Amino acid sequence: NAVRHGCVPGRDFAVRLVMDGRLVRVEVSDARGER
């Protein structure tokens, strides 16, 4: 979705993976805040 809908030419997307105890959280950030 970040590549298809959140892409702004020249801007990357970021992935952050966190494990805190038994909780696993994945975050994907892109440059398109309006979508």
PDB file of all heavy atoms in Angstrom:
ATOM      1  N   ASN A   1       0.828  -1.210   0.000  1.00  0.00           N
ATOM      2  CA  ASN A   1       0.000   0.000   0.000  1.00  0.00           C
ATOM      3  C   ASN A   1       0.860   1.257   0.000  1.00  0.00           C
ATOM      4  O   ASN A   1       0.518   2.244  -0.659  1.00  0.00           O
ATOM      5  CB  ASN A   1      -0.941   0.014   1.199  1.00  0.00           C
ATOM      6  CG  ASN A   1      -2.129  -0.895   1.007  1.00  0.00           C
ATOM      7  OD1 ASN A   1      -2.375  -1.391  -0.082  1.00  0.00           O
ATOM      8  ND2 ASN A   1      -2.864  -1.128   2.069  1.00  0.00           N
ATOM      9  N   ALA A   2       1.972   1.241   0.736  1.00  0.00           N
ATOM     10  CA  ALA A   2       2.856   2.404   0.756  1.00  0.00           C
ATOM     11  C   ALA A   2       3.426   2.671  -0.631  1.00  0.00           C
ATOM     12  O   ALA A   2       3.525   3.824  -1.057  1.00  0.00           O
ATOM     13  CB  ALA A   2       3.988   2.195   1.764  1.00  0.00           C
ATOM     14  N   VAL A   3       3.774   1.602  -1.349  1.00  0.00           N
ATOM     15  CA  VAL A   3       4.327   1.763  -2.696  1.00  0.00           C
ATOM     16  C   VAL A   3       3.239   2.183  -3.680  1.00  0.00           C
ATOM     17  O   VAL A   3       3.437   3.067  -4.504  1.00  0.00           O
ATOM     18  CB  VAL A   3       5.017   0.452  -3.149  1.00  0.00           C
ATOM     19  CG1 VAL A   3       5.346   0.480  -4.630  1.00  0.00           C
ATOM     20  CG2 VAL A   3       6.277   0.217  -2.331  1.00  0.00           C
ATOM     21  N   ARG A   4       2.071   1.581  -3.580  1.00  0.00           N
ATOM     22  CA  ARG A   4       0.996   1.862  -4.533  1.00  0.00           C
ATOM     23  C   ARG A   4       0.286   3.183  -4.262  1.00  0.00           C
ATOM     24  O   ARG A   4       0.005   3.943  -5.176  1.00  0.00           O
ATOM     25  CB  ARG A   4      -0.020   0.732  -4.518  1.00  0.00           C
ATOM     26  CG  ARG A   4      -1.224   1.027  -5.421  1.00  0.00           C
ATOM     27  CD  ARG A   4      -2.178  -0.114  -5.489  1.00  0.00           C
ATOM     28  NE  ARG A   4      -1.617  -1.058  -6.464  1.00  0.00           N
ATOM     29  CZ  ARG A   4      -2.014  -2.296  -6.610  1.00  0.00           C
ATOM     30  NH1 ARG A   4      -2.955  -2.771  -5.828  1.00  0.00           N
ATOM     31  NH2 ARG A   4      -1.488  -3.075  -7.504  1.00  0.00           N
ATOM     32  N   HIS A   5      -0.032   3.459  -3.009  1.00  0.00           N
ATOM     33  CA  HIS A   5      -0.872   4.618  -2.691  1.00  0.00           C
ATOM     34  C   HIS A   5      -0.137   5.753  -1.975  1.00  0.00           C
ATOM     35  O   HIS A   5      -0.652   6.865  -1.923  1.00  0.00           O
ATOM     36  CB  HIS A   5      -2.053   4.188  -1.815  1.00  0.00           C
ATOM     37  CG  HIS A   5      -2.873   3.094  -2.413  1.00  0.00           C
ATOM     38  ND1 HIS A   5      -3.614   3.266  -3.559  1.00  0.00           N
ATOM     39  CD2 HIS A   5      -3.041   1.803  -2.031  1.00  0.00           C
ATOM     40  CE1 HIS A   5      -4.224   2.121  -3.845  1.00  0.00           C
ATOM     41  NE2 HIS A   5      -3.891   1.231  -2.943  1.00  0.00           N
ATOM     42  N   GLY A   6       1.027   5.467  -1.391  1.00  0.00           N
ATOM     43  CA  GLY A   6       1.713   6.472  -0.593  1.00  0.00           C
ATOM     44  C   GLY A   6       2.975   7.021  -1.224  1.00  0.00           C
ATOM     45  O   GLY A   6       3.690   7.800  -0.609  1.00  0.00           O
ATOM     46  N   CYS A   7       3.225   6.625  -2.446  1.00  0.00           N
ATOM     47  CA  CYS A   7       4.467   7.012  -3.112  1.00  0.00           C
ATOM     48  C   CYS A   7       4.441   8.471  -3.550  1.00  0.00           C
ATOM     49  O   CYS A   7       3.498   8.932  -4.178  1.00  0.00           O
ATOM     50  CB  CYS A   7       4.700   6.109  -4.322  1.00  0.00           C
ATOM     51  SG  CYS A   7       6.219   6.480  -5.200  1.00  0.00           S
ATOM     52  N   VAL A   8       5.487   9.186  -3.187  1.00  0.00           N
ATOM     53  CA  VAL A   8       5.765  10.520  -3.690  1.00  0.00           C
ATOM     54  C   VAL A   8       7.110  10.398  -4.394  1.00  0.00           C
ATOM     55  O   VAL A   8       8.067   9.899  -3.796  1.00  0.00           O
ATOM     56  CB  VAL A   8       5.832  11.554  -2.547  1.00  0.00           C
ATOM     57  CG1 VAL A   8       6.323  12.893  -3.047  1.00  0.00           C
ATOM     58  CG2 VAL A   8       4.477  11.685  -1.870  1.00  0.00           C
ATOM     59  N   PRO A   9       7.198  10.813  -5.660  1.00  0.00           N
ATOM     60  CA  PRO A   9       8.463  10.657  -6.390  1.00  0.00           C
ATOM     61  C   PRO A   9       9.654  11.215  -5.597  1.00  0.00           C
ATOM     62  O   PRO A   9       9.590  12.314  -5.055  1.00  0.00           O
ATOM     63  CB  PRO A   9       8.235  11.439  -7.682  1.00  0.00           C
ATOM     64  CG  PRO A   9       6.753  11.378  -7.879  1.00  0.00           C
ATOM     65  CD  PRO A   9       6.169  11.440  -6.489  1.00  0.00           C
ATOM     66  N   GLY A  10      10.687  10.394  -5.497  1.00  0.00           N
ATOM     67  CA  GLY A  10      11.897  10.793  -4.789  1.00  0.00           C
ATOM     68  C   GLY A  10      11.864  10.563  -3.289  1.00  0.00           C
ATOM     69  O   GLY A  10      12.844  10.831  -2.603  1.00  0.00           O
ATOM     70  N   ARG A  11      10.756  10.069  -2.762  1.00  0.00           N
ATOM     71  CA  ARG A  11      10.637   9.826  -1.319  1.00  0.00           C
ATOM     72  C   ARG A  11      10.559   8.328  -1.052  1.00  0.00           C
ATOM     73  O   ARG A  11       9.874   7.593  -1.759  1.00  0.00           O
ATOM     74  CB  ARG A  11       9.377  10.484  -0.753  1.00  0.00           C
ATOM     75  CG  ARG A  11       9.328  11.974  -0.891  1.00  0.00           C
ATOM     76  CD  ARG A  11      10.066  12.624   0.281  1.00  0.00           C
ATOM     77  NE  ARG A  11      10.076  14.062   0.169  1.00  0.00           N
ATOM     78  CZ  ARG A  11       9.249  14.869   0.807  1.00  0.00           C
ATOM     79  NH1 ARG A  11       8.312  14.378   1.570  1.00  0.00           N
ATOM     80  NH2 ARG A  11       9.360  16.173   0.654  1.00  0.00           N
ATOM     81  N   ASP A  12      11.242   7.890  -0.010  1.00  0.00           N
ATOM     82  CA  ASP A  12      11.230   6.487   0.402  1.00  0.00           C
ATOM     83  C   ASP A  12      10.063   6.231   1.352  1.00  0.00           C
ATOM     84  O   ASP A  12       9.411   7.162   1.816  1.00  0.00           O
ATOM     85  CB  ASP A  12      12.528   6.145   1.138  1.00  0.00           C
ATOM     86  CG  ASP A  12      13.758   6.266   0.258  1.00  0.00           C
ATOM     87  OD1 ASP A  12      13.625   6.194  -0.968  1.00  0.00           O
ATOM     88  OD2 ASP A  12      14.861   6.424   0.824  1.00  0.00           O
ATOM     89  N   PHE A  13       9.852   4.956   1.670  1.00  0.00           N
ATOM     90  CA  PHE A  13       8.966   4.605   2.776  1.00  0.00           C
ATOM     91  C   PHE A  13       9.835   3.976   3.855  1.00  0.00           C
ATOM     92  O   PHE A  13      10.955   3.530   3.600  1.00  0.00           O
ATOM     93  CB  PHE A  13       7.811   3.690   2.343  1.00  0.00           C
ATOM     94  CG  PHE A  13       8.207   2.284   1.982  1.00  0.00           C
ATOM     95  CD1 PHE A  13       8.252   1.286   2.946  1.00  0.00           C
ATOM     96  CD2 PHE A  13       8.524   1.950   0.674  1.00  0.00           C
ATOM     97  CE1 PHE A  13       8.607  -0.009   2.613  1.00  0.00           C
ATOM     98  CE2 PHE A  13       8.871   0.660   0.330  1.00  0.00           C
ATOM     99  CZ  PHE A  13       8.922  -0.325   1.305  1.00  0.00           C
ATOM    100  N   ALA A  14       9.340   3.971   5.071  1.00  0.00           N
ATOM    101  CA  ALA A  14      10.103   3.440   6.199  1.00  0.00           C
ATOM    102  C   ALA A  14       9.311   2.339   6.888  1.00  0.00           C
ATOM    103  O   ALA A  14       8.083   2.388   6.959  1.00  0.00           O
ATOM    104  CB  ALA A  14      10.414   4.555   7.198  1.00  0.00           C
ATOM    105  N   VAL A  15      10.052   1.351   7.380  1.00  0.00           N
ATOM    106  CA  VAL A  15       9.460   0.259   8.150  1.00  0.00           C
ATOM    107  C   VAL A  15      10.128   0.247   9.516  1.00  0.00           C
ATOM    108  O   VAL A  15      11.349   0.379   9.626  1.00  0.00           O
ATOM    109  CB  VAL A  15       9.663  -1.104   7.454  1.00  0.00           C
ATOM    110  CG1 VAL A  15       9.203  -2.245   8.347  1.00  0.00           C
ATOM    111  CG2 VAL A  15       8.940  -1.137   6.127  1.00  0.00           C
ATOM    112  N   ARG A  16       9.305   0.099  10.522  1.00  0.00           N
ATOM    113  CA  ARG A  16       9.796  -0.037  11.897  1.00  0.00           C
ATOM    114  C   ARG A  16       9.120  -1.252  12.507  1.00  0.00           C
ATOM    115  O   ARG A  16       7.890  -1.374  12.455  1.00  0.00           O
ATOM    116  CB  ARG A  16       9.465   1.226  12.692  1.00  0.00           C
ATOM    117  CG  ARG A  16       9.984   1.208  14.104  1.00  0.00           C
ATOM    118  CD  ARG A  16       9.790   2.607  14.732  1.00  0.00           C
ATOM    119  NE  ARG A  16      10.069   2.567  16.135  1.00  0.00           N
ATOM    120  CZ  ARG A  16       9.147   2.636  17.091  1.00  0.00           C
ATOM    121  NH1 ARG A  16       7.873   2.789  16.781  1.00  0.00           N
ATOM    122  NH2 ARG A  16       9.501   2.578  18.357  1.00  0.00           N
ATOM    123  N   LEU A  17       9.923  -2.157  13.023  1.00  0.00           N
ATOM    124  CA  LEU A  17       9.433  -3.376  13.657  1.00  0.00           C
ATOM    125  C   LEU A  17       9.886  -3.342  15.112  1.00  0.00           C
ATOM    126  O   LEU A  17      11.072  -3.138  15.387  1.00  0.00           O
ATOM    127  CB  LEU A  17      10.011  -4.598  12.942  1.00  0.00           C
ATOM    128  CG  LEU A  17       9.612  -5.974  13.449  1.00  0.00           C
ATOM    129  CD1 LEU A  17       8.123  -6.230  13.197  1.00  0.00           C
ATOM    130  CD2 LEU A  17      10.458  -7.048  12.777  1.00  0.00           C
ATOM    131  N   VAL A  18       8.938  -3.526  16.030  1.00  0.00           N
ATOM    132  CA  VAL A  18       9.256  -3.475  17.456  1.00  0.00           C
ATOM    133  C   VAL A  18       8.682  -4.716  18.123  1.00  0.00           C
ATOM    134  O   VAL A  18       7.535  -5.097  17.875  1.00  0.00           O
ATOM    135  CB  VAL A  18       8.640  -2.218  18.124  1.00  0.00           C
ATOM    136  CG1 VAL A  18       8.915  -2.198  19.618  1.00  0.00           C
ATOM    137  CG2 VAL A  18       9.164  -0.955  17.460  1.00  0.00           C
ATOM    138  N   MET A  19       9.508  -5.345  18.965  1.00  0.00           N
ATOM    139  CA  MET A  19       9.023  -6.421  19.821  1.00  0.00           C
ATOM    140  C   MET A  19       9.202  -5.945  21.251  1.00  0.00           C
ATOM    141  O   MET A  19      10.313  -5.598  21.668  1.00  0.00           O
ATOM    142  CB  MET A  19       9.779  -7.717  19.602  1.00  0.00           C
ATOM    143  CG  MET A  19       9.188  -8.855  20.434  1.00  0.00           C
ATOM    144  SD  MET A  19       9.980 -10.451  20.181  1.00  0.00           S
ATOM    145  CE  MET A  19      11.476 -10.225  21.103  1.00  0.00           C
ATOM    146  N   ASP A  20       8.112  -5.884  21.978  1.00  0.00           N
ATOM    147  CA  ASP A  20       8.130  -5.446  23.367  1.00  0.00           C
ATOM    148  C   ASP A  20       7.419  -6.522  24.170  1.00  0.00           C
ATOM    149  O   ASP A  20       6.187  -6.590  24.171  1.00  0.00           O
ATOM    150  CB  ASP A  20       7.437  -4.088  23.499  1.00  0.00           C
ATOM    151  CG  ASP A  20       7.733  -3.409  24.816  1.00  0.00           C
ATOM    152  OD1 ASP A  20       8.406  -4.025  25.678  1.00  0.00           O
ATOM    153  OD2 ASP A  20       7.300  -2.258  25.000  1.00  0.00           O
ATOM    154  N   GLY A  21       8.180  -7.372  24.821  1.00  0.00           N
ATOM    155  CA  GLY A  21       7.601  -8.540  25.467  1.00  0.00           C
ATOM    156  C   GLY A  21       7.086  -9.481  24.392  1.00  0.00           C
ATOM    157  O   GLY A  21       7.830  -9.883  23.507  1.00  0.00           O
ATOM    158  N   ARG A  22       5.793  -9.787  24.420  1.00  0.00           N
ATOM    159  CA  ARG A  22       5.202 -10.656  23.399  1.00  0.00           C
ATOM    160  C   ARG A  22       4.403  -9.870  22.370  1.00  0.00           C
ATOM    161  O   ARG A  22       3.728 -10.446  21.529  1.00  0.00           O
ATOM    162  CB  ARG A  22       4.303 -11.719  24.055  1.00  0.00           C
ATOM    163  CG  ARG A  22       5.015 -12.640  25.007  1.00  0.00           C
ATOM    164  CD  ARG A  22       6.072 -13.485  24.360  1.00  0.00           C
ATOM    165  NE  ARG A  22       5.471 -14.458  23.464  1.00  0.00           N
ATOM    166  CZ  ARG A  22       6.157 -15.301  22.714  1.00  0.00           C
ATOM    167  NH1 ARG A  22       7.462 -15.287  22.738  1.00  0.00           N
ATOM    168  NH2 ARG A  22       5.549 -16.142  21.919  1.00  0.00           N
ATOM    169  N   LEU A  23       4.485  -8.553  22.415  1.00  0.00           N
ATOM    170  CA  LEU A  23       3.799  -7.703  21.450  1.00  0.00           C
ATOM    171  C   LEU A  23       4.738  -7.407  20.293  1.00  0.00           C
ATOM    172  O   LEU A  23       5.872  -6.964  20.503  1.00  0.00           O
ATOM    173  CB  LEU A  23       3.358  -6.388  22.090  1.00  0.00           C
ATOM    174  CG  LEU A  23       2.735  -5.374  21.135  1.00  0.00           C
ATOM    175  CD1 LEU A  23       1.348  -5.848  20.693  1.00  0.00           C
ATOM    176  CD2 LEU A  23       2.658  -4.013  21.770  1.00  0.00           C
ATOM    177  N   VAL A  24       4.278  -7.671  19.083  1.00  0.00           N
ATOM    178  CA  VAL A  24       5.036  -7.330  17.888  1.00  0.00           C
ATOM    179  C   VAL A  24       4.246  -6.259  17.142  1.00  0.00           C
ATOM    180  O   VAL A  24       3.063  -6.430  16.865  1.00  0.00           O
ATOM    181  CB  VAL A  24       5.257  -8.568  16.980  1.00  0.00           C
ATOM    182  CG1 VAL A  24       6.031  -8.186  15.731  1.00  0.00           C
ATOM    183  CG2 VAL A  24       5.981  -9.672  17.748  1.00  0.00           C
ATOM    184  N   ARG A  25       4.923  -5.156  16.844  1.00  0.00           N
ATOM    185  CA  ARG A  25       4.286  -4.027  16.154  1.00  0.00           C
ATOM    186  C   ARG A  25       5.089  -3.709  14.903  1.00  0.00           C
ATOM    187  O   ARG A  25       6.310  -3.612  14.953  1.00  0.00           O
ATOM    188  CB  ARG A  25       4.239  -2.798  17.067  1.00  0.00           C
ATOM    189  CG  ARG A  25       3.616  -1.567  16.419  1.00  0.00           C
ATOM    190  CD  ARG A  25       3.588  -0.413  17.407  1.00  0.00           C
ATOM    191  NE  ARG A  25       3.199   0.834  16.788  1.00  0.00           N
ATOM    192  CZ  ARG A  25       2.056   1.459  17.013  1.00  0.00           C
ATOM    193  NH1 ARG A  25       1.166   0.959  17.845  1.00  0.00           N
ATOM    194  NH2 ARG A  25       1.788   2.604  16.412  1.00  0.00           N
ATOM    195  N   VAL A  26       4.389  -3.561  13.795  1.00  0.00           N
ATOM    196  CA  VAL A  26       5.028  -3.137  12.552  1.00  0.00           C
ATOM    197  C   VAL A  26       4.399  -1.812  12.150  1.00  0.00           C
ATOM    198  O   VAL A  26       3.182  -1.639  12.249  1.00  0.00           O
ATOM    199  CB  VAL A  26       4.919  -4.209  11.442  1.00  0.00           C
ATOM    200  CG1 VAL A  26       3.480  -4.506  11.060  1.00  0.00           C
ATOM    201  CG2 VAL A  26       5.723  -3.817  10.221  1.00  0.00           C
ATOM    202  N   GLU A  27       5.257  -0.870  11.745  1.00  0.00           N
ATOM    203  CA  GLU A  27       4.808   0.447  11.299  1.00  0.00           C
ATOM    204  C   GLU A  27       5.391   0.700   9.917  1.00  0.00           C
ATOM    205  O   GLU A  27       6.573   0.457   9.689  1.00  0.00           O
ATOM    206  CB  GLU A  27       5.304   1.545  12.238  1.00  0.00           C
ATOM    207  CG  GLU A  27       4.836   1.405  13.661  1.00  0.00           C
ATOM    208  CD  GLU A  27       5.473   2.424  14.594  1.00  0.00           C
ATOM    209  OE1 GLU A  27       6.379   3.175  14.155  1.00  0.00           O
ATOM    210  OE2 GLU A  27       5.077   2.472  15.764  1.00  0.00           O
ATOM    211  N   VAL A  28       4.564   1.191   9.022  1.00  0.00           N
ATOM    212  CA  VAL A  28       5.023   1.558   7.685  1.00  0.00           C
ATOM    213  C   VAL A  28       4.638   3.019   7.467  1.00  0.00           C
ATOM    214  O   VAL A  28       3.469   3.371   7.546  1.00  0.00           O
ATOM    215  CB  VAL A  28       4.410   0.653   6.601  1.00  0.00           C
ATOM    216  CG1 VAL A  28       4.847   1.098   5.211  1.00  0.00           C
ATOM    217  CG2 VAL A  28       4.802  -0.808   6.847  1.00  0.00           C
ATOM    218  N   SER A  29       5.655   3.847   7.220  1.00  0.00           N
ATOM    219  CA  SER A  29       5.442   5.283   7.037  1.00  0.00           C
ATOM    220  C   SER A  29       5.731   5.667   5.599  1.00  0.00           C
ATOM    221  O   SER A  29       6.711   5.208   5.013  1.00  0.00           O
ATOM    222  CB  SER A  29       6.375   6.076   7.963  1.00  0.00           C
ATOM    223  OG  SER A  29       6.121   5.755   9.307  1.00  0.00           O
ATOM    224  N   ASP A  30       4.862   6.492   5.036  1.00  0.00           N
ATOM    225  CA  ASP A  30       5.088   7.006   3.685  1.00  0.00           C
ATOM    226  C   ASP A  30       4.846   8.510   3.685  1.00  0.00           C
ATOM    227  O   ASP A  30       4.475   9.087   4.702  1.00  0.00           O
ATOM    228  CB  ASP A  30       4.228   6.269   2.645  1.00  0.00           C
ATOM    229  CG  ASP A  30       2.736   6.461   2.857  1.00  0.00           C
ATOM    230  OD1 ASP A  30       2.294   7.630   2.979  1.00  0.00           O
ATOM    231  OD2 ASP A  30       1.992   5.465   2.868  1.00  0.00           O
ATOM    232  N   ALA A  31       5.061   9.137   2.543  1.00  0.00           N
ATOM    233  CA  ALA A  31       5.033  10.598   2.459  1.00  0.00           C
ATOM    234  C   ALA A  31       3.667  11.180   2.090  1.00  0.00           C
ATOM    235  O   ALA A  31       3.531  12.390   1.983  1.00  0.00           O
ATOM    236  CB  ALA A  31       6.081  11.075   1.449  1.00  0.00           C
ATOM    237  N   ARG A  32       2.651  10.360   1.893  1.00  0.00           N
ATOM    238  CA  ARG A  32       1.331  10.857   1.461  1.00  0.00           C
ATOM    239  C   ARG A  32       0.368  10.915   2.639  1.00  0.00           C
ATOM    240  O   ARG A  32      -0.363   9.969   2.908  1.00  0.00           O
ATOM    241  CB  ARG A  32       0.746   9.943   0.379  1.00  0.00           C
ATOM    242  CG  ARG A  32       1.503   9.841  -0.916  1.00  0.00           C
ATOM    243  CD  ARG A  32       1.327  11.028  -1.846  1.00  0.00           C
ATOM    244  NE  ARG A  32      -0.001  11.323  -2.265  1.00  0.00           N
ATOM    245  CZ  ARG A  32      -0.560  10.874  -3.384  1.00  0.00           C
ATOM    246  NH1 ARG A  32       0.084  10.065  -4.190  1.00  0.00           N
ATOM    247  NH2 ARG A  32      -1.774  11.244  -3.702  1.00  0.00           N
ATOM    248  N   GLY A  33       0.349  12.024   3.328  1.00  0.00           N
ATOM    249  CA  GLY A  33      -0.531  12.174   4.476  1.00  0.00           C
ATOM    250  C   GLY A  33      -1.987  12.363   4.123  1.00  0.00           C
ATOM    251  O   GLY A  33      -2.872  12.102   4.919  1.00  0.00           O
ATOM    252  N   GLU A  34      -2.249  12.819   2.893  1.00  0.00           N
ATOM    253  CA  GLU A  34      -3.646  13.065   2.504  1.00  0.00           C
ATOM    254  C   GLU A  34      -4.370  11.791   2.096  1.00  0.00           C
ATOM    255  O   GLU A  34      -5.584  11.800   1.935  1.00  0.00           O
ATOM    256  CB  GLU A  34      -3.707  14.100   1.368  1.00  0.00           C
ATOM    257  CG  GLU A  34      -3.279  13.592   0.001  1.00  0.00           C
ATOM    258  CD  GLU A  34      -1.766  13.588  -0.223  1.00  0.00           C
ATOM    259  OE1 GLU A  34      -1.001  13.818   0.716  1.00  0.00           O
ATOM    260  OE2 GLU A  34      -1.365  13.337  -1.368  1.00  0.00           O
ATOM    261  N   ARG A  35      -3.659  10.691   1.933  1.00  0.00           N
ATOM    262  CA  ARG A  35      -4.293   9.423   1.548  1.00  0.00           C
ATOM    263  C   ARG A  35      -4.231   8.465   2.726  1.00  0.00           C
ATOM    264  O   ARG A  35      -3.358   7.617   2.816  1.00  0.00           O
ATOM    265  CB  ARG A  35      -3.601   8.834   0.330  1.00  0.00           C
ATOM    266  CG  ARG A  35      -3.772   9.733  -0.886  1.00  0.00           C
ATOM    267  CD  ARG A  35      -3.352   9.062  -2.137  1.00  0.00           C
ATOM    268  NE  ARG A  35      -4.380   8.108  -2.536  1.00  0.00           N
ATOM    269  CZ  ARG A  35      -4.285   7.373  -3.622  1.00  0.00           C
ATOM    270  NH1 ARG A  35      -3.255   7.463  -4.410  1.00  0.00           N
ATOM    271  NH2 ARG A  35      -5.254   6.535  -3.940  1.00  0.00           N
TER     272      ARG A  35
END
